[in-house]
């Protein structure tokens, strides 16, 4: 998965190549209402391939979009659901059950005077990545600290010679 959506022709080729390599699912991360429609067209042209549509919008952390999180889904939800092979994933800084559950139940759209529009899944990437990065960074800092404190110091200006070694 990468941000953005290729042309239909390129997407069909990518999907063929991935299928030939044994990859059965393809994910797209559209950044606009128009690119959501492109993903729908790709799904229509590849009805036997599970297509993951990851929508993050721009307001709540979707760094590849300048659009509102809700409005593009409100506009395209019906077309998305007409494609049996699209898995709709919401991602935009979810971090707790209270903030996530309305998207899985569909209540988020009811509060906007629309019918229930549940997502199939939510993305917790940033939350998980922060935890992983913190762990790795702490381990990295500890390794550096141990390395630095285990080095012999130089006398006077001898440390300048380290650039040449």
C-alpha atoms as a PDB file:
ATOM      1  CA  UNK A   1       0.000   0.000   0.000  1.00  0.00           C
ATOM      2  CA  UNK A   2       1.144   3.486  -0.775  1.00  0.00           C
ATOM      3  CA  UNK A   3      -0.520   6.839  -0.580  1.00  0.00           C
ATOM      4  CA  UNK A   4      -2.329   7.852  -3.700  1.00  0.00           C
ATOM      5  CA  UNK A   5      -4.084   5.865  -6.385  1.00  0.00           C
ATOM      6  CA  UNK A   6      -2.611   4.885  -9.757  1.00  0.00           C
ATOM      7  CA  UNK A   7      -4.497   5.123 -13.023  1.00  0.00           C
ATOM      8  CA  UNK A   8      -6.862   2.267 -13.815  1.00  0.00           C
ATOM      9  CA  UNK A   9      -4.455   0.887 -16.416  1.00  0.00           C
ATOM     10  CA  UNK A  10      -1.483   0.969 -14.012  1.00  0.00           C
ATOM     11  CA  UNK A  11      -3.560  -0.433 -11.157  1.00  0.00           C
ATOM     12  CA  UNK A  12      -4.683  -3.368 -13.306  1.00  0.00           C
ATOM     13  CA  UNK A  13      -1.055  -4.127 -14.176  1.00  0.00           C
ATOM     14  CA  UNK A  14       0.050  -3.816 -10.547  1.00  0.00           C
ATOM     15  CA  UNK A  15      -2.745  -6.136  -9.437  1.00  0.00           C
ATOM     16  CA  UNK A  16      -1.820  -8.706 -12.112  1.00  0.00           C
ATOM     17  CA  UNK A  17       1.822  -8.626 -11.031  1.00  0.00           C
ATOM     18  CA  UNK A  18       0.953  -8.903  -7.356  1.00  0.00           C
ATOM     19  CA  UNK A  19      -1.389 -11.827  -8.060  1.00  0.00           C
ATOM     20  CA  UNK A  20       1.382 -13.547 -10.045  1.00  0.00           C
ATOM     21  CA  UNK A  21       3.620 -13.142  -6.978  1.00  0.00           C
ATOM     22  CA  UNK A  22       0.946 -14.712  -4.743  1.00  0.00           C
ATOM     23  CA  UNK A  23      -0.268 -11.489  -3.107  1.00  0.00           C
ATOM     24  CA  UNK A  24      -4.039 -11.666  -2.810  1.00  0.00           C
ATOM     25  CA  UNK A  25      -4.999  -8.307  -1.273  1.00  0.00           C
ATOM     26  CA  UNK A  26      -4.280  -4.836  -2.601  1.00  0.00           C
ATOM     27  CA  UNK A  27      -4.594  -1.659  -0.542  1.00  0.00           C
ATOM     28  CA  UNK A  28      -5.014   1.919  -1.690  1.00  0.00           C
ATOM     29  CA  UNK A  29      -4.924   5.110   0.363  1.00  0.00           C
ATOM     30  CA  UNK A  30      -6.866   7.740  -1.581  1.00  0.00           C
ATOM     31  CA  UNK A  31      -6.507  11.375  -0.605  1.00  0.00           C
ATOM     32  CA  UNK A  32      -9.647  12.867  -2.151  1.00  0.00           C
ATOM     33  CA  UNK A  33     -13.230  12.098  -3.126  1.00  0.00           C
ATOM     34  CA  UNK A  34     -12.096  11.691  -6.728  1.00  0.00           C
ATOM     35  CA  UNK A  35      -9.393   9.197  -5.796  1.00  0.00           C
ATOM     36  CA  UNK A  36     -11.942   7.231  -3.727  1.00  0.00           C
ATOM     37  CA  UNK A  37     -13.939   6.971  -6.957  1.00  0.00           C
ATOM     38  CA  UNK A  38     -10.777   5.753  -8.718  1.00  0.00           C
ATOM     39  CA  UNK A  39     -10.444   2.962  -6.148  1.00  0.00           C
ATOM     40  CA  UNK A  40     -14.078   2.008  -6.752  1.00  0.00           C
ATOM     41  CA  UNK A  41     -13.367   1.799 -10.509  1.00  0.00           C
ATOM     42  CA  UNK A  42     -10.314  -0.369  -9.835  1.00  0.00           C
ATOM     43  CA  UNK A  43     -12.433  -2.674  -7.682  1.00  0.00           C
ATOM     44  CA  UNK A  44     -15.078  -2.870 -10.422  1.00  0.00           C
ATOM     45  CA  UNK A  45     -12.404  -3.899 -12.927  1.00  0.00           C
ATOM     46  CA  UNK A  46     -10.912  -6.495 -10.557  1.00  0.00           C
ATOM     47  CA  UNK A  47     -13.978  -8.086  -8.912  1.00  0.00           C
ATOM     48  CA  UNK A  48     -12.149 -11.187  -7.637  1.00  0.00           C
ATOM     49  CA  UNK A  49      -9.402  -9.206  -5.870  1.00  0.00           C
ATOM     50  CA  UNK A  50      -9.964  -7.977  -2.303  1.00  0.00           C
ATOM     51  CA  UNK A  51      -9.333  -4.217  -2.381  1.00  0.00           C
ATOM     52  CA  UNK A  52      -8.586  -2.400   0.881  1.00  0.00           C
ATOM     53  CA  UNK A  53      -9.612   1.262   0.782  1.00  0.00           C
ATOM     54  CA  UNK A  54      -7.882   3.062   3.641  1.00  0.00           C
ATOM     55  CA  UNK A  55      -9.389   6.481   4.238  1.00  0.00           C
ATOM     56  CA  UNK A  56      -7.696   8.917   6.591  1.00  0.00           C
ATOM     57  CA  UNK A  57      -8.776  12.337   5.385  1.00  0.00           C
ATOM     58  CA  UNK A  58      -6.626  15.337   6.220  1.00  0.00           C
ATOM     59  CA  UNK A  59      -8.009  16.943   9.337  1.00  0.00           C
ATOM     60  CA  UNK A  60      -7.264  14.211  11.836  1.00  0.00           C
ATOM     61  CA  UNK A  61      -3.873  13.001  10.738  1.00  0.00           C
ATOM     62  CA  UNK A  62      -4.241  11.871   7.149  1.00  0.00           C
ATOM     63  CA  UNK A  63      -1.063  13.489   5.932  1.00  0.00           C
ATOM     64  CA  UNK A  64      -1.794  12.706   2.273  1.00  0.00           C
ATOM     65  CA  UNK A  65      -5.054  14.626   2.101  1.00  0.00           C
ATOM     66  CA  UNK A  66      -6.452  18.093   2.598  1.00  0.00           C
ATOM     67  CA  UNK A  67     -10.055  16.872   2.787  1.00  0.00           C
ATOM     68  CA  UNK A  68     -12.396  16.462   5.700  1.00  0.00           C
ATOM     69  CA  UNK A  69     -12.518  12.926   7.080  1.00  0.00           C
ATOM     70  CA  UNK A  70     -16.301  12.520   6.918  1.00  0.00           C
ATOM     71  CA  UNK A  71     -17.639  14.319   3.847  1.00  0.00           C
ATOM     72  CA  UNK A  72     -15.893  12.221   1.158  1.00  0.00           C
ATOM     73  CA  UNK A  73     -17.155   8.997   2.773  1.00  0.00           C
ATOM     74  CA  UNK A  74     -20.673  10.411   3.114  1.00  0.00           C
ATOM     75  CA  UNK A  75     -20.553  11.169  -0.635  1.00  0.00           C
ATOM     76  CA  UNK A  76     -19.110   7.827  -1.752  1.00  0.00           C
ATOM     77  CA  UNK A  77     -20.279   5.276   0.828  1.00  0.00           C
ATOM     78  CA  UNK A  78     -23.103   3.886  -1.313  1.00  0.00           C
ATOM     79  CA  UNK A  79     -20.790   3.365  -4.304  1.00  0.00           C
ATOM     80  CA  UNK A  80     -18.142   1.777  -2.067  1.00  0.00           C
ATOM     81  CA  UNK A  81     -20.677  -0.687  -0.661  1.00  0.00           C
ATOM     82  CA  UNK A  82     -21.873  -1.679  -4.125  1.00  0.00           C
ATOM     83  CA  UNK A  83     -18.470  -3.324  -4.587  1.00  0.00           C
ATOM     84  CA  UNK A  84     -18.377  -6.581  -2.643  1.00  0.00           C
ATOM     85  CA  UNK A  85     -14.594  -6.713  -2.903  1.00  0.00           C
ATOM     86  CA  UNK A  86     -13.864  -3.412  -1.087  1.00  0.00           C
ATOM     87  CA  UNK A  87     -12.844  -3.485   2.569  1.00  0.00           C
ATOM     88  CA  UNK A  88     -13.318   0.020   3.987  1.00  0.00           C
ATOM     89  CA  UNK A  89     -10.764   0.967   6.654  1.00  0.00           C
ATOM     90  CA  UNK A  90     -10.866   4.175   8.709  1.00  0.00           C
ATOM     91  CA  UNK A  91      -7.698   5.705  10.049  1.00  0.00           C
ATOM     92  CA  UNK A  92      -7.197   9.108  11.606  1.00  0.00           C
ATOM     93  CA  UNK A  93      -5.605   9.086  14.998  1.00  0.00           C
ATOM     94  CA  UNK A  94      -7.870   6.538  16.672  1.00  0.00           C
ATOM     95  CA  UNK A  95      -6.565   5.573  20.063  1.00  0.00           C
ATOM     96  CA  UNK A  96      -9.369   4.412  22.300  1.00  0.00           C
ATOM     97  CA  UNK A  97     -12.587   2.415  22.151  1.00  0.00           C
ATOM     98  CA  UNK A  98     -14.786   5.463  22.671  1.00  0.00           C
ATOM     99  CA  UNK A  99     -13.388   7.244  19.615  1.00  0.00           C
ATOM    100  CA  UNK A 100     -13.139   4.110  17.460  1.00  0.00           C
ATOM    101  CA  UNK A 101     -16.398   2.281  18.110  1.00  0.00           C
ATOM    102  CA  UNK A 102     -18.716   4.748  16.291  1.00  0.00           C
ATOM    103  CA  UNK A 103     -16.854   4.043  13.052  1.00  0.00           C
ATOM    104  CA  UNK A 104     -17.240   0.283  13.426  1.00  0.00           C
ATOM    105  CA  UNK A 105     -20.944   0.501  14.364  1.00  0.00           C
ATOM    106  CA  UNK A 106     -21.787   3.254  11.863  1.00  0.00           C
ATOM    107  CA  UNK A 107     -22.993   5.660  14.527  1.00  0.00           C
ATOM    108  CA  UNK A 108     -20.607   8.371  13.280  1.00  0.00           C
ATOM    109  CA  UNK A 109     -22.855   8.972  10.254  1.00  0.00           C
ATOM    110  CA  UNK A 110     -26.099   8.807  12.243  1.00  0.00           C
ATOM    111  CA  UNK A 111     -24.924  11.806  14.281  1.00  0.00           C
ATOM    112  CA  UNK A 112     -24.692  13.677  10.957  1.00  0.00           C
ATOM    113  CA  UNK A 113     -28.283  12.785   9.990  1.00  0.00           C
ATOM    114  CA  UNK A 114     -27.278   9.999   7.578  1.00  0.00           C
ATOM    115  CA  UNK A 115     -28.038   6.283   7.755  1.00  0.00           C
ATOM    116  CA  UNK A 116     -25.578   4.031   9.565  1.00  0.00           C
ATOM    117  CA  UNK A 117     -22.330   3.759   7.582  1.00  0.00           C
ATOM    118  CA  UNK A 118     -20.000   1.343   9.359  1.00  0.00           C
ATOM    119  CA  UNK A 119     -16.384   0.903   8.350  1.00  0.00           C
ATOM    120  CA  UNK A 120     -15.074  -2.662   8.181  1.00  0.00           C
ATOM    121  CA  UNK A 121     -11.982  -1.905  10.252  1.00  0.00           C
ATOM    122  CA  UNK A 122      -9.989   0.894  11.823  1.00  0.00           C
ATOM    123  CA  UNK A 123      -6.304   1.591  11.463  1.00  0.00           C
ATOM    124  CA  UNK A 124      -4.203   1.952  14.578  1.00  0.00           C
ATOM    125  CA  UNK A 125      -0.903   2.462  12.753  1.00  0.00           C
ATOM    126  CA  UNK A 126       0.261   5.686  14.409  1.00  0.00           C
ATOM    127  CA  UNK A 127      -0.494   4.414  17.887  1.00  0.00           C
ATOM    128  CA  UNK A 128       1.358   1.175  17.280  1.00  0.00           C
ATOM    129  CA  UNK A 129       4.242   2.867  15.510  1.00  0.00           C
ATOM    130  CA  UNK A 130       4.779   5.346  18.348  1.00  0.00           C
ATOM    131  CA  UNK A 131       5.078   2.500  20.816  1.00  0.00           C
ATOM    132  CA  UNK A 132       7.507   0.659  18.543  1.00  0.00           C
ATOM    133  CA  UNK A 133       9.575   3.786  17.853  1.00  0.00           C
ATOM    134  CA  UNK A 134       9.757   4.608  21.569  1.00  0.00           C
ATOM    135  CA  UNK A 135      11.009   1.113  22.327  1.00  0.00           C
ATOM    136  CA  UNK A 136      13.558   1.170  19.489  1.00  0.00           C
ATOM    137  CA  UNK A 137      14.693   4.704  20.261  1.00  0.00           C
ATOM    138  CA  UNK A 138      15.194   3.923  23.955  1.00  0.00           C
ATOM    139  CA  UNK A 139      17.179   0.819  23.046  1.00  0.00           C
ATOM    140  CA  UNK A 140      19.193   2.887  20.541  1.00  0.00           C
ATOM    141  CA  UNK A 141      19.947   5.603  23.138  1.00  0.00           C
ATOM    142  CA  UNK A 142      20.993   2.986  25.669  1.00  0.00           C
ATOM    143  CA  UNK A 143      23.335   1.398  23.120  1.00  0.00           C
ATOM    144  CA  UNK A 144      24.867   4.793  22.281  1.00  0.00           C
ATOM    145  CA  UNK A 145      25.281   5.662  25.949  1.00  0.00           C
ATOM    146  CA  UNK A 146      27.027   2.365  26.677  1.00  0.00           C
ATOM    147  CA  UNK A 147      29.248   2.846  23.629  1.00  0.00           C
ATOM    148  CA  UNK A 148      30.237   6.395  24.519  1.00  0.00           C
ATOM    149  CA  UNK A 149      30.943   5.675  28.157  1.00  0.00           C
ATOM    150  CA  UNK A 150      33.066   2.671  27.188  1.00  0.00           C
ATOM    151  CA  UNK A 151      35.408   4.727  24.972  1.00  0.00           C
ATOM    152  CA  UNK A 152      38.814   5.934  26.050  1.00  0.00           C
ATOM    153  CA  UNK A 153      39.264   9.649  26.048  1.00  0.00           C
ATOM    154  CA  UNK A 154      42.083  11.523  24.304  1.00  0.00           C
ATOM    155  CA  UNK A 155      44.555  13.966  25.786  1.00  0.00           C
ATOM    156  CA  UNK A 156      44.592  17.591  24.740  1.00  0.00           C
ATOM    157  CA  UNK A 157      43.667  18.061  21.083  1.00  0.00           C
ATOM    158  CA  UNK A 158      44.078  14.376  20.169  1.00  0.00           C
ATOM    159  CA  UNK A 159      40.329  14.065  19.604  1.00  0.00           C
ATOM    160  CA  UNK A 160      40.743  15.904  16.276  1.00  0.00           C
ATOM    161  CA  UNK A 161      42.620  12.872  14.957  1.00  0.00           C
ATOM    162  CA  UNK A 162      39.413  10.845  15.232  1.00  0.00           C
ATOM    163  CA  UNK A 163      38.132  12.532  12.017  1.00  0.00           C
ATOM    164  CA  UNK A 164      41.018  10.996  10.072  1.00  0.00           C
ATOM    165  CA  UNK A 165      40.565   7.456  11.398  1.00  0.00           C
END
